[in-house]
Protein backbone atom coordinates (compact mmCIF):
# COMPACT_ATOMS: atom_id res chain seq x y z
CA MET A 1 -15.80 -0.57 0.53
CA LEU A 2 -13.86 -1.80 -2.47
CA CYS A 3 -11.31 -4.50 -1.90
CA SER A 4 -8.83 -5.94 -4.30
CA THR A 5 -9.44 -9.04 -6.37
CA PRO A 6 -11.33 -12.26 -5.65
CA TYR A 7 -11.47 -12.19 -1.89
CA SER A 8 -13.26 -8.82 -1.71
CA LEU A 9 -16.40 -10.05 0.05
CA LEU A 10 -14.44 -12.13 2.55
CA ALA A 11 -12.05 -9.23 3.13
CA THR A 12 -14.96 -6.84 3.68
CA ILE A 13 -16.42 -9.16 6.31
CA ILE A 14 -13.07 -9.69 8.02
CA PHE A 15 -12.16 -5.99 7.99
CA SER A 16 -15.52 -5.19 9.57
CA ALA A 17 -15.01 -7.87 12.20
CA LEU A 18 -11.50 -6.65 12.94
CA ILE A 19 -12.77 -3.13 13.51
CA LEU A 20 -15.32 -4.49 15.97
CA LEU A 21 -12.65 -6.52 17.73
CA HIS A 22 -10.25 -3.58 17.89
CA PRO A 23 -12.36 -0.48 18.64
CA SER A 24 -10.46 2.75 18.98
CA ASN A 25 -9.89 3.82 22.53
CA ALA A 26 -10.62 7.37 21.43
CA GLN A 27 -14.09 7.04 19.88
CA LEU A 28 -12.95 7.14 16.28
CA SER A 29 -15.63 5.96 13.86
CA SER A 30 -15.78 5.01 10.19
CA THR A 31 -19.04 7.00 9.94
CA PHE A 32 -17.77 10.16 11.66
CA TYR A 33 -18.42 12.38 8.61
CA SER A 34 -21.54 10.62 7.32
CA ASN A 35 -23.73 13.65 7.97
CA THR A 36 -21.21 16.51 7.87
CA CYS A 37 -19.11 15.53 4.83
CA PRO A 38 -20.52 12.35 3.26
CA ASN A 39 -18.32 12.54 0.15
CA VAL A 40 -15.05 12.89 2.05
CA SER A 41 -13.54 9.60 0.82
CA SER A 42 -14.40 10.15 -2.83
CA ILE A 43 -13.01 13.70 -2.71
CA VAL A 44 -9.70 12.44 -1.26
CA THR A 45 -9.50 9.65 -3.81
CA SER A 46 -10.23 11.97 -6.72
CA VAL A 47 -7.39 14.35 -5.84
CA ILE A 48 -4.93 11.47 -5.45
CA GLN A 49 -6.00 9.93 -8.77
CA GLN A 50 -5.23 13.23 -10.44
CA ALA A 51 -1.85 13.49 -8.71
CA LEU A 52 -0.91 9.94 -9.74
CA GLN A 53 -1.18 10.88 -13.41
CA SER A 54 1.98 12.97 -13.19
CA ASP A 55 3.64 11.40 -10.12
CA PRO A 56 3.47 7.60 -9.84
CA ARG A 57 5.25 7.61 -6.47
CA ILE A 58 2.82 9.97 -4.73
CA GLY A 59 0.79 7.11 -3.25
CA ALA A 60 3.81 5.76 -1.42
CA SER A 61 4.78 9.27 -0.31
CA LEU A 62 1.33 9.95 1.16
CA THR A 63 1.30 6.59 2.96
CA ARG A 64 4.68 7.44 4.47
CA LEU A 65 3.39 10.83 5.69
CA HIS A 66 0.67 9.11 7.73
CA PHE A 67 3.28 6.75 9.21
CA HIS A 68 5.67 9.58 10.11
CA ASP A 69 2.80 11.57 11.59
CA CYS A 70 1.43 8.84 13.85
CA PHE A 71 4.81 7.89 15.36
CA VAL A 72 5.28 11.43 16.72
CA ASN A 73 2.69 12.80 19.20
CA GLY A 74 0.16 10.39 17.73
CA CYS A 75 -1.88 10.89 14.54
CA ASP A 76 -2.37 14.65 14.87
CA ALA A 77 -1.06 16.05 11.55
CA SER A 78 1.90 17.62 13.35
CA VAL A 79 4.13 16.48 10.46
CA LEU A 80 2.33 18.95 8.18
CA LEU A 81 3.14 22.09 10.20
CA ASP A 82 5.57 24.52 8.58
CA GLN A 83 8.24 26.27 10.61
CA SER A 84 6.51 29.60 11.17
CA GLY A 85 4.71 31.55 13.85
CA ASN A 86 4.62 29.55 17.07
CA ILE A 87 6.13 26.52 15.34
CA THR A 88 9.83 27.20 15.82
CA LEU A 89 11.02 23.65 15.05
CA SER A 90 9.04 21.88 12.34
CA GLU A 91 8.96 18.09 12.07
CA LYS A 92 9.52 18.62 8.35
CA ASN A 93 13.10 19.58 9.19
CA ALA A 94 13.74 16.51 11.37
CA THR A 95 16.33 14.10 9.97
CA PRO A 96 13.82 11.40 8.86
CA ASN A 97 11.77 13.99 6.95
CA ASN A 98 14.17 16.68 5.74
CA ASN A 99 14.49 16.61 1.93
CA SER A 100 12.68 13.29 2.03
CA ALA A 101 9.06 13.59 3.18
CA ARG A 102 6.87 14.76 0.31
CA GLY A 103 3.26 15.03 -0.80
CA PHE A 104 2.47 18.17 1.19
CA ASP A 105 1.14 19.92 -1.92
CA VAL A 106 -1.28 17.07 -2.58
CA VAL A 107 -2.49 17.26 1.04
CA ASP A 108 -3.07 20.99 0.45
CA ASN A 109 -5.10 20.19 -2.67
CA ILE A 110 -7.19 17.66 -0.75
CA LYS A 111 -7.80 20.19 2.01
CA THR A 112 -8.86 22.85 -0.51
CA SER A 113 -11.32 20.47 -2.16
CA LEU A 114 -12.77 19.45 1.19
CA GLU A 115 -13.04 23.06 2.39
CA ASN A 116 -14.98 23.89 -0.78
CA SER A 117 -17.37 21.01 -0.13
CA CYS A 118 -17.64 20.98 3.66
CA PRO A 119 -15.76 23.91 5.23
CA GLY A 120 -14.25 23.57 8.68
CA VAL A 121 -15.21 19.93 9.06
CA VAL A 122 -12.47 17.46 8.07
CA SER A 123 -9.19 17.48 10.01
CA CYS A 124 -5.78 17.30 8.39
CA ALA A 125 -5.02 14.26 10.55
CA ASP A 126 -7.99 12.44 9.04
CA ILE A 127 -6.92 13.56 5.55
CA LEU A 128 -3.60 11.75 6.09
CA ALA A 129 -5.39 8.57 7.22
CA LEU A 130 -7.80 8.69 4.28
CA ALA A 131 -5.03 9.52 1.80
CA ALA A 132 -2.98 6.51 2.94
CA GLU A 133 -5.92 4.14 2.45
CA ALA A 134 -6.80 5.60 -0.95
CA SER A 135 -3.16 5.45 -2.06
CA VAL A 136 -2.81 1.78 -1.13
CA SER A 137 -6.11 0.86 -2.77
CA LEU A 138 -5.33 2.78 -5.97
CA GLY A 139 -1.95 1.02 -6.08
CA GLY A 140 -3.63 -2.37 -6.21
CA GLY A 141 -3.61 -3.10 -2.49
CA PRO A 142 -6.41 -3.64 0.01
CA SER A 143 -9.09 -1.22 1.11
CA TRP A 144 -10.38 -0.83 4.63
CA SER A 145 -12.85 1.27 6.59
CA VAL A 146 -10.80 4.19 7.88
CA LEU A 147 -11.72 5.17 11.41
CA LEU A 148 -12.20 8.96 11.60
CA GLY A 149 -12.70 11.76 14.07
CA ARG A 150 -9.12 12.82 14.77
CA ARG A 151 -8.43 16.47 15.42
CA ASP A 152 -5.32 18.45 14.56
CA GLY A 153 -2.51 19.14 17.02
CA LEU A 154 -1.35 22.62 18.01
CA ILE A 155 2.36 21.83 18.30
CA ALA A 156 5.15 20.11 16.39
CA ASN A 157 7.76 17.86 17.96
CA GLN A 158 10.98 17.89 15.95
CA SER A 159 13.01 16.15 18.64
CA GLY A 160 10.36 13.43 18.84
CA ALA A 161 10.54 12.97 15.08
CA ASN A 162 14.30 12.58 15.36
CA THR A 163 14.04 9.91 18.06
CA SER A 164 10.72 8.09 17.52
CA ILE A 165 10.54 7.45 13.77
CA PRO A 166 12.29 4.20 12.80
CA THR A 167 15.24 4.74 10.48
CA PRO A 168 16.68 2.53 7.71
CA PHE A 169 19.99 2.22 9.58
CA GLU A 170 18.77 0.71 12.85
CA SER A 171 18.85 -2.81 14.15
CA LEU A 172 15.66 -4.84 14.14
CA ALA A 173 15.72 -4.75 17.94
CA ASN A 174 15.72 -0.93 17.97
CA ILE A 175 12.96 -0.71 15.38
CA SER A 176 10.87 -3.25 17.29
CA ALA A 177 11.26 -1.16 20.43
CA LYS A 178 10.03 1.96 18.59
CA PHE A 179 6.96 0.07 17.39
CA ALA A 180 6.31 -1.31 20.88
CA ALA A 181 6.57 2.21 22.31
CA VAL A 182 3.46 3.19 20.33
CA GLY A 183 1.60 -0.04 21.03
CA LEU A 184 2.40 -1.90 17.81
CA ASN A 185 3.60 -5.51 17.77
CA THR A 186 5.83 -7.65 15.57
CA THR A 187 3.09 -8.45 13.08
CA ASP A 188 2.38 -4.73 12.74
CA LEU A 189 6.08 -4.10 12.15
CA VAL A 190 6.36 -6.65 9.34
CA ALA A 191 3.02 -5.76 7.76
CA LEU A 192 3.65 -2.01 7.76
CA SER A 193 7.17 -2.53 6.40
CA GLY A 194 5.38 -4.09 3.45
CA ALA A 195 4.39 -0.57 2.38
CA HIS A 196 7.86 -0.58 0.82
CA THR A 197 6.25 -2.59 -1.97
CA PHE A 198 5.91 0.76 -3.74
CA GLY A 199 7.79 4.04 -3.77
CA ARG A 200 11.44 5.06 -3.96
CA ALA A 201 14.41 5.59 -1.63
CA GLN A 202 17.41 7.88 -2.03
CA CYS A 203 20.90 6.36 -2.18
CA ARG A 204 21.85 8.07 1.08
CA PHE A 205 19.45 5.85 2.98
CA PHE A 206 21.24 2.62 2.09
CA ASN A 207 24.62 3.33 0.45
CA GLN A 208 26.45 2.27 3.62
CA ARG A 209 25.34 -1.27 2.71
CA LEU A 210 26.98 -1.11 -0.71
CA PHE A 211 30.61 -0.46 0.16
CA ASN A 212 31.35 -0.22 3.87
CA LEU A 213 28.79 -1.74 6.23
CA SER A 214 29.40 -0.63 9.82
CA GLY A 215 33.06 0.18 9.11
CA THR A 216 33.88 -3.32 7.86
CA GLY A 217 35.18 -2.07 4.51
CA SER A 218 32.90 -4.60 2.81
CA PRO A 219 29.32 -4.59 1.48
CA ASP A 220 26.43 -5.99 3.49
CA PRO A 221 26.76 -9.79 3.17
CA THR A 222 22.98 -10.17 3.16
CA LEU A 223 22.71 -8.33 -0.18
CA ASN A 224 22.19 -10.49 -3.27
CA SER A 225 25.39 -10.11 -5.31
CA THR A 226 23.64 -9.31 -8.59
CA TYR A 227 21.39 -6.79 -6.89
CA LEU A 228 24.43 -5.31 -5.11
CA ALA A 229 26.17 -4.72 -8.46
CA THR A 230 23.09 -2.94 -9.82
CA LEU A 231 22.82 -0.73 -6.74
CA GLN A 232 26.54 0.10 -6.80
CA GLN A 233 26.07 1.30 -10.37
CA ASN A 234 23.04 3.41 -9.41
CA CYS A 235 24.68 4.72 -6.24
CA PRO A 236 28.46 4.97 -6.77
CA GLN A 237 30.70 5.65 -3.80
CA ASN A 238 30.79 9.40 -3.11
CA GLY A 239 28.08 9.83 -5.75
CA ASN A 240 24.80 11.76 -5.58
CA GLY A 241 23.09 10.66 -2.40
CA THR A 242 19.68 11.82 -3.61
CA THR A 243 19.42 9.50 -6.63
CA LEU A 244 16.16 7.55 -6.43
CA ASN A 245 15.89 3.76 -6.43
CA ASN A 246 12.80 1.55 -6.50
CA LEU A 247 12.08 0.00 -3.12
CA ASP A 248 10.60 -2.96 -5.00
CA PRO A 249 12.44 -3.44 -8.31
CA SER A 250 9.99 -6.09 -9.54
CA SER A 251 6.78 -3.97 -9.39
CA PRO A 252 7.78 -0.49 -8.20
CA ASN A 253 4.38 1.22 -8.46
CA THR A 254 2.13 -1.69 -7.49
CA PHE A 255 1.03 -2.59 -3.98
CA ASP A 256 1.55 -6.36 -3.79
CA ASN A 257 3.50 -8.94 -1.79
CA ASN A 258 6.62 -8.88 -4.00
CA TYR A 259 8.42 -6.92 -1.27
CA PHE A 260 8.46 -10.07 0.87
CA LYS A 261 9.51 -12.28 -2.04
CA ASN A 262 12.41 -9.89 -2.56
CA LEU A 263 13.49 -10.34 1.07
CA LEU A 264 13.65 -14.12 0.56
CA ASN A 265 16.04 -13.45 -2.34
CA ASN A 266 18.18 -11.03 -0.30
CA GLN A 267 16.89 -8.12 -2.36
CA GLY A 268 15.64 -5.83 0.37
CA LEU A 269 16.78 -2.31 -0.49
CA LEU A 270 17.08 -0.89 3.01
CA GLN A 271 18.99 -2.47 5.87
CA SER A 272 15.78 -2.27 7.92
CA ASP A 273 13.95 -4.22 5.19
CA GLN A 274 16.38 -7.13 4.86
CA GLU A 275 16.77 -7.45 8.65
CA LEU A 276 13.18 -8.70 8.83
CA PHE A 277 14.31 -11.91 7.13
CA SER A 278 18.05 -12.06 7.79
CA THR A 279 18.15 -11.53 11.58
CA ASN A 280 18.84 -15.00 12.99
CA GLY A 281 16.14 -16.32 15.29
CA SER A 282 13.82 -13.36 14.77
CA ALA A 283 10.07 -13.80 15.11
CA THR A 284 9.74 -11.73 11.94
CA ILE A 285 11.08 -14.50 9.67
CA SER A 286 7.99 -16.70 9.80
CA ILE A 287 5.75 -13.68 9.15
CA VAL A 288 7.84 -12.72 6.10
CA ASN A 289 7.58 -16.30 4.83
CA ASN A 290 3.80 -16.26 5.29
CA PHE A 291 3.29 -12.93 3.54
CA SER A 292 5.62 -13.89 0.68
CA SER A 293 3.50 -16.92 -0.16
CA ASN A 294 0.06 -15.53 0.73
CA GLN A 295 -0.78 -12.07 -0.57
CA SER A 296 -4.28 -12.21 0.93
CA ALA A 297 -2.79 -12.76 4.39
CA PHE A 298 -0.50 -9.77 3.88
CA PHE A 299 -3.34 -7.54 2.69
CA LEU A 300 -5.55 -8.44 5.66
CA ALA A 301 -2.71 -7.91 8.14
CA PHE A 302 -1.68 -4.64 6.50
CA ALA A 303 -5.20 -3.24 6.67
CA GLN A 304 -5.51 -4.13 10.37
CA SER A 305 -2.06 -2.73 11.15
CA MET A 306 -2.95 0.53 9.42
CA ILE A 307 -6.06 0.73 11.59
CA ASN A 308 -3.93 0.01 14.66
CA MET A 309 -1.40 2.69 13.67
CA GLY A 310 -4.18 5.18 12.98
CA ASN A 311 -5.36 4.68 16.58
CA ILE A 312 -2.12 5.97 18.11
CA SER A 313 -3.04 8.75 20.57
CA PRO A 314 -5.50 10.71 18.42
CA LEU A 315 -6.90 14.00 19.63
CA THR A 316 -10.71 13.81 19.78
CA GLY A 317 -13.70 15.72 21.09
CA ASN A 318 -12.66 19.23 22.01
CA GLN A 319 -8.93 18.51 21.91
CA GLY A 320 -6.84 20.28 19.29
CA GLU A 321 -8.66 21.93 16.40
CA ILE A 322 -9.73 21.53 12.78
CA ARG A 323 -7.04 23.44 10.87
CA SER A 324 -8.21 25.57 7.98
CA ASN A 325 -4.70 25.31 6.49
CA CYS A 326 -2.86 22.06 7.14
CA ARG A 327 0.49 23.89 7.22
CA LYS A 328 -0.25 26.13 10.19
CA VAL A 329 -2.18 26.35 13.41
CA ASN A 330 -5.35 28.44 13.15
CA GLY A 331 -4.80 32.11 13.94
CA SER A 332 -1.04 31.98 13.42
């Protein structure tokens, strides 16, 4: 297990202890593929390293896929299913994912490499969990022992994707409720939001903050005025809603704690980001303050929260299947 920077040994010990303190309720194990596909992690990492050479945002995109998968029907790779055969309503076409979720081709490449090495063994759901960890680590963030043994779901849930995945436009109370619905707490919410330390967001996900917040006719008052002017230039009113903007303008491709420092300066890009610090009386404020001043604390919390999220209702044992193609159910 490789961890970032000077606290690697301590982090390794703490991560191991956390896993023991928070065992999966579905018999997931970090050694699940030790005998059947011992090189699984290195194969996943190798494919992502190659993808990063031409696409610096792919790590953030793959991390987001795991998040959007786990919040709908649990971590079952349902987000990867194309609309075909028995899948009449794909999660890919749900509002939070449509023309936004990406990285599916890289998942396909990982699956192909794994099938060549250990056919019929590694699930697409586990690929998403491993890809998220590798992406964060390669971006300069922490590493952790990924618990494995998930199996792939047989159905997609587009309506669930539309209602269960937190959106950038919601209140902190609504987002907190969506996290609580899948067994995640306030610390998980703040820590996992910190994944916005890398990656991009389209103008359409925040342009309501720039000109007319909630019908007020004015910009979001929590936006730093200098940052607001920059964003208004990048995302003009009635402009191209798909223009990309760095979620973290200070270090857009690096996984660090600058996201939280940005929030303290009213430079959160999404409404859902800035609300973590600007919602009066919220329990999230002290956590943001802690993570902004202590990157090690953020990294440790993020790793544990990713483990917690990866434990959401996995299929195990004889449930589901091991897809041969991540885009479709076997036999379809």
